[in-house]
Protein backbone atom coordinates (compact mmCIF):
# COMPACT_ATOMS: atom_id res chain seq x y z
CA MET A 1 117.63 99.17 80.90
CA ALA A 2 113.72 99.39 81.02
CA SER A 3 111.69 98.82 84.08
CA LEU A 4 109.14 96.13 85.11
CA ALA A 5 106.28 96.47 87.28
CA LEU A 6 104.99 93.62 88.75
CA THR A 7 101.84 93.53 90.66
CA VAL A 8 102.56 91.00 94.03
CA SER A 9 99.80 89.11 95.87
CA TYR A 10 100.92 88.22 99.76
CA ASP A 11 99.81 86.93 102.77
CA GLY A 12 101.51 88.74 105.58
CA SER A 13 100.97 86.78 108.41
CA GLY A 14 104.36 85.18 107.57
CA PHE A 15 106.26 88.36 106.78
CA ALA A 16 107.75 90.80 109.08
CA GLY A 17 106.50 93.64 107.03
CA ALA A 18 106.96 94.40 103.30
CA GLN A 19 110.22 96.90 103.22
CA ALA A 20 113.83 94.75 103.80
CA GLN A 21 114.96 94.39 107.46
CA PRO A 22 118.03 92.70 108.10
CA GLY A 23 117.88 88.95 109.34
CA GLN A 24 113.86 89.12 108.79
CA ARG A 25 111.69 87.27 106.20
CA THR A 26 110.36 90.72 104.24
CA VAL A 27 108.24 90.64 100.82
CA GLN A 28 111.18 93.02 99.23
CA GLY A 29 113.82 90.40 100.40
CA THR A 30 112.10 87.49 99.22
CA LEU A 31 111.18 88.88 95.66
CA GLU A 32 114.97 90.22 95.33
CA GLU A 33 116.45 86.52 95.97
CA ALA A 34 113.98 85.70 93.54
CA LEU A 35 115.11 87.97 90.79
CA GLY A 36 118.62 87.48 91.50
CA ARG A 37 118.60 83.82 91.22
CA LEU A 38 116.08 84.42 87.89
CA PHE A 39 117.93 87.18 86.10
CA GLY A 40 121.45 86.07 87.70
CA GLN A 41 122.65 89.02 88.85
CA PRO A 42 121.74 91.47 91.99
CA THR A 43 118.24 93.14 91.74
CA LYS A 44 116.76 96.28 93.96
CA VAL A 45 113.07 96.25 93.99
CA VAL A 46 110.93 99.35 94.98
CA LEU A 47 107.88 98.67 96.55
CA ALA A 48 104.49 100.98 95.95
CA GLY A 49 103.52 100.81 99.77
CA ARG A 50 104.95 100.02 102.99
CA THR A 51 102.73 97.15 104.91
CA ASP A 52 103.55 96.15 108.44
CA ARG A 53 104.00 93.13 110.00
CA GLY A 54 100.86 90.74 109.03
CA VAL A 55 99.42 93.29 106.76
CA HIS A 56 98.52 91.30 103.71
CA ALA A 57 98.47 92.73 99.98
CA ALA A 58 96.42 92.21 96.94
CA GLY A 59 97.30 94.61 94.25
CA GLN A 60 100.99 96.12 95.89
CA VAL A 61 102.88 97.18 93.01
CA ILE A 62 106.96 96.99 92.39
CA SER A 63 109.28 98.13 90.21
CA CYS A 64 112.72 96.32 88.86
CA GLY A 65 114.96 96.80 86.31
CA ASP A 66 114.50 94.18 83.26
CA GLY A 67 117.15 91.40 83.67
CA ARG A 68 115.28 89.17 80.95
CA PRO A 69 113.97 91.90 78.41
CA ASP A 70 114.18 88.67 75.88
CA TRP A 71 111.00 87.01 77.62
CA MET A 72 107.83 87.50 77.30
CA LEU A 73 105.66 88.29 80.19
CA ASP A 74 104.32 85.76 80.47
CA GLN A 75 107.05 83.03 80.96
CA LEU A 76 108.61 86.41 82.99
CA GLN A 77 106.03 86.19 85.56
CA THR A 78 105.71 82.00 85.51
CA ALA A 79 109.38 81.49 86.11
CA LEU A 80 109.29 84.06 88.62
CA ASN A 81 106.29 82.42 90.61
CA ALA A 82 108.20 79.29 90.50
CA GLN A 83 110.94 81.12 92.31
CA LEU A 84 108.51 82.65 95.18
CA PRO A 85 107.29 80.46 97.86
CA PRO A 86 103.31 79.73 98.66
CA ASP A 87 102.78 83.05 100.25
CA LEU A 88 103.51 85.60 97.91
CA ALA A 89 102.98 85.21 93.93
CA VAL A 90 102.75 87.65 91.01
CA VAL A 91 99.40 88.41 89.83
CA ALA A 92 100.24 90.58 86.76
CA ALA A 93 103.32 92.24 84.93
CA ALA A 94 104.16 95.06 82.65
CA ARG A 95 107.36 97.06 81.34
CA ARG A 96 107.41 100.74 81.37
CA PRO A 97 109.90 103.15 80.90
CA ASP A 98 113.32 103.01 82.63
CA GLU A 99 112.24 106.10 84.70
CA PHE A 100 109.36 104.10 86.00
CA HIS A 101 109.20 104.24 89.84
CA ALA A 102 106.56 102.29 91.91
CA ARG A 103 106.59 104.28 95.16
CA TYR A 104 107.52 108.22 93.46
CA ASP A 105 104.84 107.65 90.64
CA ALA A 106 101.50 106.07 92.50
CA VAL A 107 98.95 108.79 92.86
CA TRP A 108 97.01 106.83 95.33
CA ARG A 109 96.77 103.54 97.14
CA GLU A 110 93.74 102.17 98.49
CA TYR A 111 93.12 99.93 101.62
CA ARG A 112 90.62 97.75 102.68
CA TYR A 113 89.75 96.55 106.19
CA ARG A 114 87.33 93.41 107.11
CA ILE A 115 85.66 93.11 110.41
CA TRP A 116 83.62 90.27 111.15
CA THR A 117 80.88 90.62 113.87
CA GLY A 118 79.28 87.04 113.59
CA GLY A 119 81.76 85.01 116.16
CA ARG A 120 84.46 82.90 115.77
CA ALA A 121 85.73 82.47 112.21
CA PRO A 122 88.40 79.46 111.94
CA LEU A 123 88.75 80.07 108.68
CA ALA A 124 89.43 83.80 108.03
CA ARG A 125 90.80 84.79 111.18
CA ARG A 126 94.00 85.48 109.50
CA MET A 127 91.79 87.67 107.31
CA VAL A 128 89.73 89.18 109.52
CA TRP A 129 89.17 91.80 112.70
CA GLU A 130 86.79 89.15 114.78
CA ARG A 131 84.52 91.23 116.95
CA THR A 132 80.87 91.21 118.59
CA GLY A 133 77.92 92.91 118.35
CA ALA A 134 76.36 94.67 115.47
CA VAL A 135 77.24 97.57 113.68
CA ASP A 136 75.64 100.49 112.36
CA LEU A 137 75.90 100.99 108.73
CA ALA A 138 74.84 104.34 108.31
CA ALA A 139 76.40 105.60 111.20
CA MET A 140 80.11 104.23 109.98
CA ARG A 141 79.44 105.92 106.33
CA ALA A 142 78.51 109.10 107.88
CA GLY A 143 81.82 108.97 110.05
CA ALA A 144 83.82 107.73 107.32
CA ALA A 145 82.58 110.82 104.89
CA MET A 146 84.51 112.89 107.35
CA PHE A 147 88.06 111.33 106.44
CA VAL A 148 87.49 112.57 102.73
CA GLY A 149 89.52 115.95 101.84
CA LYS A 150 92.34 117.39 102.55
CA ARG A 151 92.78 116.51 106.29
CA ASP A 152 95.57 116.77 109.20
CA PHE A 153 95.80 112.98 110.17
CA ALA A 154 97.93 113.02 113.57
CA THR A 155 95.35 111.99 115.43
CA PHE A 156 95.54 108.91 113.94
CA ALA A 157 99.38 108.06 112.94
CA GLY A 158 101.35 105.61 115.00
CA GLY A 159 104.75 105.47 115.68
CA GLY A 160 105.02 107.84 117.29
CA GLU A 161 104.83 110.61 114.33
CA GLY A 162 101.45 111.67 115.46
CA ALA A 163 102.33 113.62 118.67
CA PRO A 164 102.57 117.17 118.70
CA TRP A 165 106.56 117.44 119.09
CA SER A 166 107.09 114.35 116.54
CA ALA A 167 109.32 115.40 113.91
CA ARG A 168 106.69 114.56 110.95
CA ARG A 169 105.17 118.03 111.78
CA THR A 170 108.60 119.59 110.39
CA ARG A 171 108.49 117.79 106.88
CA PRO A 172 106.82 119.68 103.56
CA ARG A 173 103.54 117.81 104.12
CA GLY A 174 103.68 117.24 107.98
CA THR A 175 100.60 114.86 109.00
CA GLU A 176 98.36 116.03 105.63
CA ARG A 177 96.91 113.41 103.78
CA THR A 178 93.88 113.44 100.79
CA VAL A 179 91.97 111.29 101.10
CA VAL A 180 90.07 110.67 98.30
CA ARG A 181 87.63 107.85 99.18
CA CYS A 182 86.19 106.22 102.21
CA ASP A 183 83.65 104.34 102.22
CA VAL A 184 81.90 101.51 104.42
CA ARG A 185 79.89 98.33 103.11
CA ALA A 186 78.45 94.76 103.93
CA VAL A 187 79.87 92.31 102.12
CA GLU A 188 79.07 88.32 102.05
CA PRO A 189 81.20 85.88 103.82
CA TRP A 190 82.85 83.40 101.72
CA TRP A 191 83.67 80.90 104.70
CA GLY A 192 80.02 80.13 105.73
CA PRO A 193 76.58 79.87 105.76
CA GLU A 194 74.75 83.24 104.41
CA ASP A 195 72.95 84.65 107.26
CA GLU A 196 72.19 88.44 109.36
CA ARG A 197 75.72 88.34 110.59
CA ARG A 198 77.61 90.90 108.35
CA CYS A 199 81.24 90.93 107.48
CA VAL A 200 81.77 94.90 107.28
CA GLU A 201 84.60 96.27 104.71
CA ILE A 202 86.27 99.75 104.91
CA ARG A 203 87.55 100.98 102.03
CA VAL A 204 89.72 104.25 101.58
CA ALA A 205 92.21 105.40 99.19
CA ALA A 206 94.52 108.50 99.56
CA ASP A 207 97.68 109.98 98.04
CA GLY A 208 99.46 108.86 100.92
CA PHE A 209 99.28 106.97 104.16
CA LEU A 210 101.13 107.56 107.94
CA PRO A 211 101.91 104.42 109.93
CA GLN A 212 99.06 102.52 111.15
CA MET A 213 96.63 105.38 109.76
CA ALA A 214 94.30 103.01 107.87
CA ARG A 215 94.08 100.65 110.95
CA THR A 216 93.20 103.43 113.70
CA MET A 217 90.61 105.00 111.28
CA THR A 218 88.90 101.60 111.53
CA SER A 219 89.08 101.47 114.80
CA ALA A 220 87.07 104.75 115.18
CA LEU A 221 84.83 103.97 113.12
CA LEU A 222 84.14 100.71 114.40
CA GLU A 223 83.47 102.79 117.68
CA VAL A 224 81.30 104.66 115.60
CA GLY A 225 79.05 101.96 113.96
CA GLN A 226 79.00 100.19 117.72
CA GLY A 227 77.46 103.22 118.82
CA ARG A 228 79.81 104.30 121.53
CA ARG A 229 80.70 107.56 119.96
CA ARG A 230 78.50 109.89 117.60
CA PRO A 231 79.55 110.41 113.76
CA GLU A 232 80.83 113.68 114.83
CA TRP A 233 83.55 112.56 116.70
CA ILE A 234 85.57 111.47 113.93
CA GLY A 235 85.36 115.37 113.13
CA ASP A 236 86.71 115.88 116.55
CA LEU A 237 89.64 113.45 116.66
CA LEU A 238 90.89 115.22 113.02
CA ALA A 239 90.59 118.93 114.58
CA ALA A 240 92.56 117.59 117.75
CA ALA A 241 95.42 116.40 115.13
CA ASP A 242 97.14 114.43 118.66
CA ARG A 243 97.34 111.15 118.65
CA ARG A 244 97.39 110.96 122.31
CA VAL A 245 93.42 111.48 122.47
CA GLY A 246 92.81 109.11 119.50
CA PRO A 247 91.51 105.22 119.44
CA MET A 248 93.52 102.43 119.51
CA THR A 249 95.08 100.95 116.49
CA ALA A 250 92.85 97.85 114.87
CA PRO A 251 94.78 94.82 114.39
CA ALA A 252 97.00 94.25 111.20
CA HIS A 253 95.57 91.43 109.86
CA GLY A 254 92.44 92.34 108.79
CA LEU A 255 94.33 95.14 106.90
CA ILE A 256 94.64 94.52 102.78
CA LEU A 257 96.63 96.88 100.34
CA TRP A 258 94.13 96.06 97.61
CA ARG A 259 95.67 98.42 94.69
CA VAL A 260 97.70 101.21 93.76
CA GLY A 261 97.16 103.99 91.30
CA TYR A 262 98.92 105.28 88.49
CA ASP A 263 98.66 107.80 85.65
CA ASP A 264 94.82 108.65 84.90
CA ASP A 265 93.66 105.23 87.47
CA SER A 266 90.35 106.00 89.01
CA PRO A 267 89.87 105.37 92.95
CA ASP A 268 86.05 105.39 92.55
CA ASP A 269 84.95 101.89 91.61
CA GLY A 270 81.49 102.77 91.31
CA LEU A 271 81.65 104.60 94.88
CA THR A 272 80.51 108.32 95.58
CA THR A 273 83.72 110.12 95.61
CA ASN A 274 84.66 113.35 96.79
CA ASP A 275 85.49 115.90 93.65
CA ARG A 276 87.39 118.61 95.47
CA ALA A 277 88.97 115.73 97.28
CA ARG A 278 90.68 114.41 94.07
CA THR A 279 90.81 117.84 92.42
CA GLU A 280 93.01 118.66 95.56
CA LEU A 281 95.14 115.19 95.03
CA ARG A 282 95.71 116.11 90.97
CA ARG A 283 96.86 119.63 92.40
CA GLU A 284 99.11 118.45 94.56
CA ARG A 285 100.54 115.80 92.45
CA ASN A 286 101.17 118.34 89.48
CA GLY A 287 102.70 120.90 91.93
CA ALA A 288 105.06 118.74 94.35
CA THR A 289 107.57 116.33 94.17
CA ASN A 290 108.11 114.80 97.64
CA LEU A 291 104.83 112.93 97.56
CA VAL A 292 105.83 109.99 99.41
CA PRO A 293 103.99 107.33 100.78
CA GLU A 294 103.51 106.33 104.20
CA ARG A 295 102.60 102.64 105.78
CA GLY A 296 99.02 102.18 106.13
């Protein structure tokens, strides 16, 4: 049976995370129920990335068996969306060889985190982290550049996995991940008049993410942007490789799993990317079989 590759978008506010959990409303569970009704048989779903409770997605990818190979893709997408709730939708569909695996075949994942520094924003409160005070974008970019490359991200790993005694350290890659892009920019808010206040977007693409890694990176960059720390502090945190010295974890609702890259997909998107980091990623991808993505 050929595989389906479905790109899905969801508002994470009403889900207890992406991965199936007994007795909880999850993205995976909701999709499996809808596909089961559509195909008339139980259908297991594989997620490209496991997002935590409250984290959103614009370009999550899932793979599953194709229970209706006789349907056109647009027909299948329309029928599946009719089975799904309003906070979850399939935005693209493709057929892949039967060995396609949304998780193991992914080369990189990109997360985006938005911080709003212009006061209360009722229309965006479920999608941004509301903070007060101006931010120095140049300082944040200098700090972000230190994340790029193959680094030990133990200081930024949640769930007890960044502690020196964590079992994570004994796994093949331990707490090392390769970040191929990390950048900071100002984006225009859609929810109010344009003014001097800014919405800051942090974009990070990597071959994998430790639990809460993207959110803790965000918190550290905000410390730099608001002048409480110098950009070089990011390097100190990486060198420490110990979660106990790291910053707080930013809240989940500002984070979006933006897209997942396969094959020759590029994470650059017009931004400066560390060429050495991309070379390292390709080398690891070609030479390893245990690249398992974790949550951001």
